[in-house]
């Protein structure tokens, strides 16, 4: 069972940073997105996605830093290495995904090579000949 712990000063600081970030997101980023989307929705979305991902990674880094600073065990977050049947299922899924992606890469490489050969032969037929 988890130990009951009170919030420490770094915990409160991290929560404050998260709250400020969420307020900035709502009042600054979202409103800027709405303004941008009236002019050009596609460019507004392309602007918004990296901003949101940056915010999320910043918040995650804040929490991870706090976790490391406090020396808390990862098991509290249920982030521990798998063992037993969970380990074997995970390894099998990773191996299956790796094999699938490797096969796709090989197919793409062969397809590109065929297209390159076709392009060369087509270009040679249309190229001017001297002599």
N, C-alpha and C. Protein backbone atom coordinates (compact mmCIF):
# COMPACT_ATOMS: atom_id res chain seq x y z
N UNK A 1 0.85 -1.18 0.00
CA UNK A 1 0.00 0.00 0.00
C UNK A 1 0.89 1.24 0.00
N UNK A 2 0.43 2.27 -0.62
CA UNK A 2 1.19 3.51 -0.70
C UNK A 2 1.20 4.22 0.65
N UNK A 3 2.33 4.82 0.94
CA UNK A 3 2.42 5.61 2.16
C UNK A 3 1.70 6.93 1.93
N UNK A 4 1.09 7.42 2.99
CA UNK A 4 0.47 8.74 2.88
C UNK A 4 1.54 9.77 3.15
N UNK A 5 1.66 10.72 2.22
CA UNK A 5 2.66 11.76 2.35
C UNK A 5 1.98 13.09 2.10
N UNK A 6 2.44 14.08 2.81
CA UNK A 6 1.91 15.42 2.57
C UNK A 6 2.70 16.06 1.43
N UNK A 7 2.14 17.11 0.88
CA UNK A 7 2.81 17.81 -0.20
C UNK A 7 4.02 18.56 0.32
N UNK A 8 5.11 18.42 -0.39
CA UNK A 8 6.32 19.15 -0.04
C UNK A 8 6.35 20.45 -0.82
N UNK A 9 7.30 21.31 -0.50
CA UNK A 9 7.42 22.59 -1.21
C UNK A 9 7.67 22.37 -2.71
N UNK A 10 8.54 21.43 -3.12
CA UNK A 10 8.69 21.20 -4.56
C UNK A 10 7.40 20.69 -5.22
N UNK A 11 6.61 19.90 -4.49
CA UNK A 11 5.33 19.45 -5.02
C UNK A 11 4.41 20.63 -5.32
N UNK A 12 4.35 21.54 -4.37
CA UNK A 12 3.50 22.73 -4.54
C UNK A 12 4.01 23.58 -5.69
N UNK A 13 5.34 23.71 -5.81
CA UNK A 13 5.92 24.47 -6.92
C UNK A 13 5.57 23.84 -8.27
N UNK A 14 5.68 22.53 -8.34
CA UNK A 14 5.34 21.83 -9.59
C UNK A 14 3.86 21.99 -9.93
N UNK A 15 3.00 21.85 -8.94
CA UNK A 15 1.56 22.04 -9.18
C UNK A 15 1.26 23.48 -9.62
N UNK A 16 1.98 24.43 -9.04
CA UNK A 16 1.80 25.82 -9.43
C UNK A 16 2.22 26.04 -10.88
N UNK A 17 3.36 25.46 -11.26
CA UNK A 17 3.81 25.57 -12.65
C UNK A 17 2.81 24.94 -13.62
N UNK A 18 2.24 23.81 -13.24
CA UNK A 18 1.24 23.16 -14.09
C UNK A 18 0.01 24.05 -14.21
N UNK A 19 -0.44 24.62 -13.12
CA UNK A 19 -1.61 25.49 -13.15
C UNK A 19 -1.35 26.73 -14.01
N UNK A 20 -0.17 27.33 -13.86
CA UNK A 20 0.16 28.51 -14.66
C UNK A 20 0.23 28.14 -16.14
N UNK A 21 0.83 27.01 -16.45
CA UNK A 21 0.92 26.56 -17.84
C UNK A 21 -0.47 26.34 -18.44
N UNK A 22 -1.35 25.73 -17.69
CA UNK A 22 -2.71 25.50 -18.19
C UNK A 22 -3.47 26.81 -18.38
N UNK A 23 -3.26 27.76 -17.50
CA UNK A 23 -3.89 29.07 -17.66
C UNK A 23 -3.33 29.79 -18.89
N UNK A 24 -2.01 29.74 -19.07
CA UNK A 24 -1.41 30.34 -20.26
C UNK A 24 -1.94 29.68 -21.53
N UNK A 25 -2.08 28.36 -21.48
CA UNK A 25 -2.61 27.65 -22.63
C UNK A 25 -4.01 28.15 -22.97
N UNK A 26 -4.84 28.28 -21.96
CA UNK A 26 -6.22 28.69 -22.21
C UNK A 26 -6.32 30.15 -22.65
N UNK A 27 -5.66 31.04 -21.95
CA UNK A 27 -5.85 32.46 -22.20
C UNK A 27 -4.93 33.04 -23.28
N UNK A 28 -3.80 32.39 -23.54
CA UNK A 28 -2.87 32.95 -24.53
C UNK A 28 -2.84 32.08 -25.79
N UNK A 29 -2.46 30.82 -25.63
CA UNK A 29 -2.26 29.96 -26.80
C UNK A 29 -3.58 29.71 -27.53
N UNK A 30 -4.62 29.37 -26.80
CA UNK A 30 -5.88 29.05 -27.46
C UNK A 30 -6.46 30.27 -28.17
N UNK A 31 -6.38 31.42 -27.54
CA UNK A 31 -6.91 32.63 -28.18
C UNK A 31 -6.08 33.01 -29.40
N UNK A 32 -4.77 32.82 -29.33
CA UNK A 32 -3.93 33.08 -30.50
C UNK A 32 -4.29 32.11 -31.62
N UNK A 33 -4.57 30.87 -31.27
CA UNK A 33 -5.00 29.89 -32.28
C UNK A 33 -6.31 30.32 -32.92
N UNK A 34 -7.26 30.77 -32.12
CA UNK A 34 -8.54 31.21 -32.69
C UNK A 34 -8.34 32.38 -33.65
N UNK A 35 -7.49 33.33 -33.30
CA UNK A 35 -7.21 34.46 -34.19
C UNK A 35 -6.56 33.98 -35.47
N UNK A 36 -5.58 33.12 -35.34
CA UNK A 36 -4.87 32.60 -36.52
C UNK A 36 -5.80 31.76 -37.40
N UNK A 37 -6.70 31.02 -36.78
CA UNK A 37 -7.56 30.13 -37.57
C UNK A 37 -8.59 30.91 -38.39
N UNK A 38 -8.90 32.13 -38.00
CA UNK A 38 -9.81 32.94 -38.81
C UNK A 38 -9.13 33.35 -40.11
N UNK A 39 -7.82 33.61 -40.05
CA UNK A 39 -7.09 34.01 -41.25
C UNK A 39 -6.73 32.80 -42.12
N UNK A 40 -6.15 31.76 -41.51
CA UNK A 40 -5.71 30.59 -42.26
C UNK A 40 -5.76 29.36 -41.35
N UNK A 41 -6.85 28.59 -41.42
CA UNK A 41 -7.01 27.45 -40.50
C UNK A 41 -5.90 26.41 -40.59
N UNK A 42 -5.41 26.15 -41.79
CA UNK A 42 -4.38 25.12 -41.94
C UNK A 42 -3.09 25.55 -41.25
N UNK A 43 -2.65 26.76 -41.50
CA UNK A 43 -1.43 27.23 -40.85
C UNK A 43 -1.62 27.37 -39.34
N UNK A 44 -2.83 27.70 -38.92
CA UNK A 44 -3.09 27.81 -37.48
C UNK A 44 -2.93 26.45 -36.80
N UNK A 45 -3.45 25.40 -37.43
CA UNK A 45 -3.28 24.05 -36.85
C UNK A 45 -1.82 23.65 -36.84
N UNK A 46 -1.11 23.96 -37.93
CA UNK A 46 0.32 23.62 -37.98
C UNK A 46 1.11 24.39 -36.93
N UNK A 47 0.63 25.55 -36.54
CA UNK A 47 1.27 26.31 -35.47
C UNK A 47 0.91 25.73 -34.10
N UNK A 48 -0.35 25.30 -33.95
CA UNK A 48 -0.85 24.85 -32.65
C UNK A 48 -0.24 23.53 -32.21
N UNK A 49 -0.11 22.57 -33.12
CA UNK A 49 0.34 21.24 -32.74
C UNK A 49 1.71 21.25 -32.05
N UNK A 50 2.74 21.88 -32.60
CA UNK A 50 4.02 21.87 -31.89
C UNK A 50 3.97 22.63 -30.56
N UNK A 51 3.16 23.67 -30.50
CA UNK A 51 3.04 24.42 -29.25
C UNK A 51 2.44 23.52 -28.16
N UNK A 52 1.37 22.80 -28.49
CA UNK A 52 0.74 21.92 -27.50
C UNK A 52 1.66 20.77 -27.10
N UNK A 53 2.35 20.18 -28.06
CA UNK A 53 3.28 19.10 -27.75
C UNK A 53 4.40 19.62 -26.86
N UNK A 54 4.90 20.83 -27.16
CA UNK A 54 5.93 21.43 -26.31
C UNK A 54 5.44 21.65 -24.89
N UNK A 55 4.20 22.12 -24.77
CA UNK A 55 3.63 22.32 -23.43
C UNK A 55 3.56 21.00 -22.67
N UNK A 56 3.07 19.97 -23.33
CA UNK A 56 2.91 18.67 -22.66
C UNK A 56 4.26 18.09 -22.25
N UNK A 57 5.26 18.19 -23.11
CA UNK A 57 6.58 17.67 -22.75
C UNK A 57 7.21 18.49 -21.63
N UNK A 58 6.94 19.79 -21.62
CA UNK A 58 7.45 20.62 -20.53
C UNK A 58 6.84 20.21 -19.20
N UNK A 59 5.54 19.99 -19.19
CA UNK A 59 4.88 19.54 -17.96
C UNK A 59 5.38 18.17 -17.53
N UNK A 60 5.56 17.27 -18.51
CA UNK A 60 6.08 15.93 -18.17
C UNK A 60 7.48 16.03 -17.59
N UNK A 61 8.32 16.88 -18.17
CA UNK A 61 9.68 17.06 -17.66
C UNK A 61 9.66 17.62 -16.24
N UNK A 62 8.71 18.50 -15.98
CA UNK A 62 8.58 19.07 -14.63
C UNK A 62 8.25 17.97 -13.62
N UNK A 63 7.30 17.13 -13.95
CA UNK A 63 6.89 16.07 -13.03
C UNK A 63 8.01 15.03 -12.87
N UNK A 64 8.67 14.67 -13.96
CA UNK A 64 9.76 13.69 -13.88
C UNK A 64 10.91 14.24 -13.05
N UNK A 65 11.23 15.53 -13.25
CA UNK A 65 12.30 16.15 -12.46
C UNK A 65 11.96 16.13 -10.97
N UNK A 66 10.72 16.45 -10.67
CA UNK A 66 10.28 16.42 -9.27
C UNK A 66 10.40 15.00 -8.71
N UNK A 67 9.97 14.03 -9.50
CA UNK A 67 10.00 12.64 -9.05
C UNK A 67 11.43 12.20 -8.76
N UNK A 68 12.35 12.58 -9.65
CA UNK A 68 13.76 12.23 -9.43
C UNK A 68 14.34 12.98 -8.24
N UNK A 69 14.00 14.25 -8.12
CA UNK A 69 14.50 15.06 -7.01
C UNK A 69 14.05 14.52 -5.66
N UNK A 70 12.80 14.11 -5.60
CA UNK A 70 12.26 13.58 -4.34
C UNK A 70 12.70 12.14 -4.08
N UNK A 71 13.25 11.47 -5.07
CA UNK A 71 13.71 10.09 -4.91
C UNK A 71 12.58 9.10 -4.67
N UNK A 72 11.46 9.35 -5.30
CA UNK A 72 10.31 8.46 -5.13
C UNK A 72 10.44 7.24 -6.04
N UNK A 73 9.95 6.11 -5.60
CA UNK A 73 10.04 4.91 -6.45
C UNK A 73 9.07 4.97 -7.64
N UNK A 74 9.54 4.50 -8.78
CA UNK A 74 8.71 4.51 -10.00
C UNK A 74 7.51 3.57 -9.86
N UNK A 75 7.59 2.61 -8.96
CA UNK A 75 6.48 1.68 -8.76
C UNK A 75 5.22 2.40 -8.30
N UNK A 76 5.37 3.58 -7.66
CA UNK A 76 4.19 4.35 -7.26
C UNK A 76 3.37 4.77 -8.48
N UNK A 77 4.06 4.97 -9.61
CA UNK A 77 3.37 5.33 -10.85
C UNK A 77 3.09 4.10 -11.71
N UNK A 78 3.38 2.95 -11.15
CA UNK A 78 3.26 1.69 -11.88
C UNK A 78 4.17 1.66 -13.11
N UNK A 79 5.31 2.34 -12.98
CA UNK A 79 6.32 2.34 -14.03
C UNK A 79 7.48 1.48 -13.56
N UNK A 80 7.34 0.20 -13.74
CA UNK A 80 8.40 -0.72 -13.35
C UNK A 80 8.61 -1.69 -14.51
N UNK A 81 9.77 -2.30 -14.54
CA UNK A 81 10.08 -3.24 -15.61
C UNK A 81 9.14 -4.44 -15.54
N UNK A 82 8.64 -4.87 -16.69
CA UNK A 82 7.76 -6.04 -16.67
C UNK A 82 8.56 -7.30 -16.33
N UNK A 83 7.87 -8.28 -15.78
CA UNK A 83 8.50 -9.55 -15.47
C UNK A 83 7.47 -10.65 -15.68
N UNK A 84 7.98 -11.88 -15.77
CA UNK A 84 7.08 -13.00 -15.99
C UNK A 84 6.44 -12.97 -17.37
N UNK A 85 5.17 -13.31 -17.43
CA UNK A 85 4.49 -13.39 -18.73
C UNK A 85 4.35 -12.01 -19.38
N UNK A 86 4.30 -10.96 -18.59
CA UNK A 86 4.20 -9.61 -19.17
C UNK A 86 5.47 -9.26 -19.95
N UNK A 87 6.60 -9.70 -19.46
CA UNK A 87 7.86 -9.46 -20.16
C UNK A 87 7.86 -10.18 -21.51
N UNK A 88 7.45 -11.45 -21.52
CA UNK A 88 7.48 -12.23 -22.75
C UNK A 88 6.46 -11.70 -23.76
N UNK A 89 5.29 -11.31 -23.32
CA UNK A 89 4.28 -10.74 -24.24
C UNK A 89 4.81 -9.43 -24.82
N UNK A 90 5.42 -8.60 -23.98
CA UNK A 90 5.98 -7.32 -24.46
C UNK A 90 7.06 -7.56 -25.50
N UNK A 91 7.96 -8.50 -25.22
CA UNK A 91 9.03 -8.79 -26.17
C UNK A 91 8.47 -9.33 -27.49
N UNK A 92 7.46 -10.18 -27.41
CA UNK A 92 6.85 -10.72 -28.64
C UNK A 92 6.19 -9.61 -29.45
N UNK A 93 5.50 -8.70 -28.79
CA UNK A 93 4.86 -7.59 -29.51
C UNK A 93 5.89 -6.66 -30.15
N UNK A 94 6.96 -6.37 -29.43
CA UNK A 94 8.01 -5.52 -29.99
C UNK A 94 8.67 -6.22 -31.18
N UNK A 95 8.92 -7.51 -31.07
CA UNK A 95 9.53 -8.26 -32.18
C UNK A 95 8.60 -8.27 -33.40
N UNK A 96 7.29 -8.46 -33.18
CA UNK A 96 6.34 -8.46 -34.29
C UNK A 96 6.28 -7.09 -34.96
N UNK A 97 6.27 -6.05 -34.17
CA UNK A 97 6.25 -4.70 -34.73
C UNK A 97 7.53 -4.40 -35.50
N UNK A 98 8.67 -4.81 -34.95
CA UNK A 98 9.95 -4.60 -35.63
C UNK A 98 9.99 -5.34 -36.96
N UNK A 99 9.52 -6.58 -36.99
CA UNK A 99 9.50 -7.35 -38.23
C UNK A 99 8.58 -6.70 -39.27
N UNK A 100 7.43 -6.23 -38.83
CA UNK A 100 6.50 -5.58 -39.75
C UNK A 100 7.11 -4.31 -40.32
N UNK A 101 7.69 -3.48 -39.49
CA UNK A 101 8.29 -2.25 -39.97
C UNK A 101 9.49 -2.52 -40.86
N UNK A 102 10.29 -3.52 -40.55
CA UNK A 102 11.44 -3.87 -41.39
C UNK A 102 10.97 -4.32 -42.77
N UNK A 103 9.90 -5.12 -42.82
CA UNK A 103 9.37 -5.56 -44.11
C UNK A 103 8.86 -4.37 -44.93
N UNK A 104 8.21 -3.43 -44.28
CA UNK A 104 7.73 -2.24 -44.99
C UNK A 104 8.90 -1.42 -45.54
N UNK A 105 9.96 -1.28 -44.76
CA UNK A 105 11.12 -0.52 -45.21
C UNK A 105 11.76 -1.19 -46.42
N UNK A 106 11.89 -2.50 -46.39
CA UNK A 106 12.47 -3.24 -47.51
C UNK A 106 11.60 -3.04 -48.76
N UNK A 107 10.28 -3.15 -48.62
CA UNK A 107 9.39 -2.93 -49.76
C UNK A 107 9.52 -1.52 -50.33
N UNK A 108 9.58 -0.54 -49.45
CA UNK A 108 9.74 0.84 -49.92
C UNK A 108 11.07 1.04 -50.63
N UNK A 109 12.13 0.45 -50.12
CA UNK A 109 13.44 0.59 -50.76
C UNK A 109 13.42 -0.05 -52.15
N UNK A 110 12.82 -1.21 -52.28
CA UNK A 110 12.73 -1.86 -53.59
C UNK A 110 11.87 -1.05 -54.55
N UNK A 111 10.76 -0.53 -54.07
CA UNK A 111 9.88 0.28 -54.90
C UNK A 111 10.61 1.52 -55.41
N UNK A 112 11.34 2.19 -54.55
CA UNK A 112 12.08 3.38 -54.95
C UNK A 112 13.17 3.03 -55.97
N UNK A 113 13.82 1.89 -55.78
CA UNK A 113 14.85 1.48 -56.73
C UNK A 113 14.24 1.23 -58.11
N UNK A 114 13.09 0.54 -58.17
CA UNK A 114 12.41 0.31 -59.45
C UNK A 114 12.02 1.62 -60.11
N UNK A 115 11.50 2.54 -59.33
CA UNK A 115 11.11 3.84 -59.90
C UNK A 115 12.33 4.60 -60.40
N UNK A 116 13.45 4.50 -59.70
CA UNK A 116 14.65 5.17 -60.15
C UNK A 116 15.12 4.59 -61.48
N UNK A 117 15.06 3.26 -61.60
CA UNK A 117 15.46 2.63 -62.85
C UNK A 117 14.52 3.06 -63.96
N UNK A 118 13.22 3.08 -63.71
CA UNK A 118 12.26 3.51 -64.72
C UNK A 118 12.52 4.95 -65.13
N UNK A 119 12.77 5.81 -64.17
CA UNK A 119 13.00 7.21 -64.49
C UNK A 119 14.26 7.37 -65.33
N UNK A 120 15.29 6.63 -65.05
CA UNK A 120 16.51 6.73 -65.83
C UNK A 120 16.26 6.29 -67.26
N UNK A 121 15.58 5.16 -67.41
CA UNK A 121 15.35 4.66 -68.76
C UNK A 121 14.42 5.59 -69.54
N UNK A 122 13.41 6.17 -68.89
CA UNK A 122 12.52 7.11 -69.56
C UNK A 122 13.23 8.39 -69.93
N UNK A 123 14.11 8.85 -69.08
CA UNK A 123 14.85 10.08 -69.36
C UNK A 123 15.84 9.85 -70.51
N UNK A 124 16.43 8.69 -70.56
CA UNK A 124 17.40 8.41 -71.64
C UNK A 124 16.73 8.40 -73.00
N UNK A 125 15.50 7.93 -73.06
CA UNK A 125 14.79 7.88 -74.34
C UNK A 125 14.44 9.27 -74.84
N UNK A 126 14.21 10.19 -73.96
CA UNK A 126 13.82 11.54 -74.35
C UNK A 126 14.99 12.51 -74.44
N UNK A 127 16.16 12.07 -74.00
CA UNK A 127 17.31 12.97 -74.00
C UNK A 127 17.80 13.16 -75.43
N UNK A 128 18.28 14.34 -75.75
CA UNK A 128 18.80 14.56 -77.13
C UNK A 128 20.10 13.79 -77.35
N UNK A 129 20.25 13.28 -78.54
CA UNK A 129 21.46 12.52 -78.90
C UNK A 129 22.29 13.37 -79.86
N UNK A 130 23.55 13.36 -79.66
CA UNK A 130 24.42 14.08 -80.58
C UNK A 130 25.18 13.06 -81.43
N UNK A 131 25.47 13.43 -82.58
CA UNK A 131 26.31 12.56 -83.38
C UNK A 131 25.71 12.06 -84.62
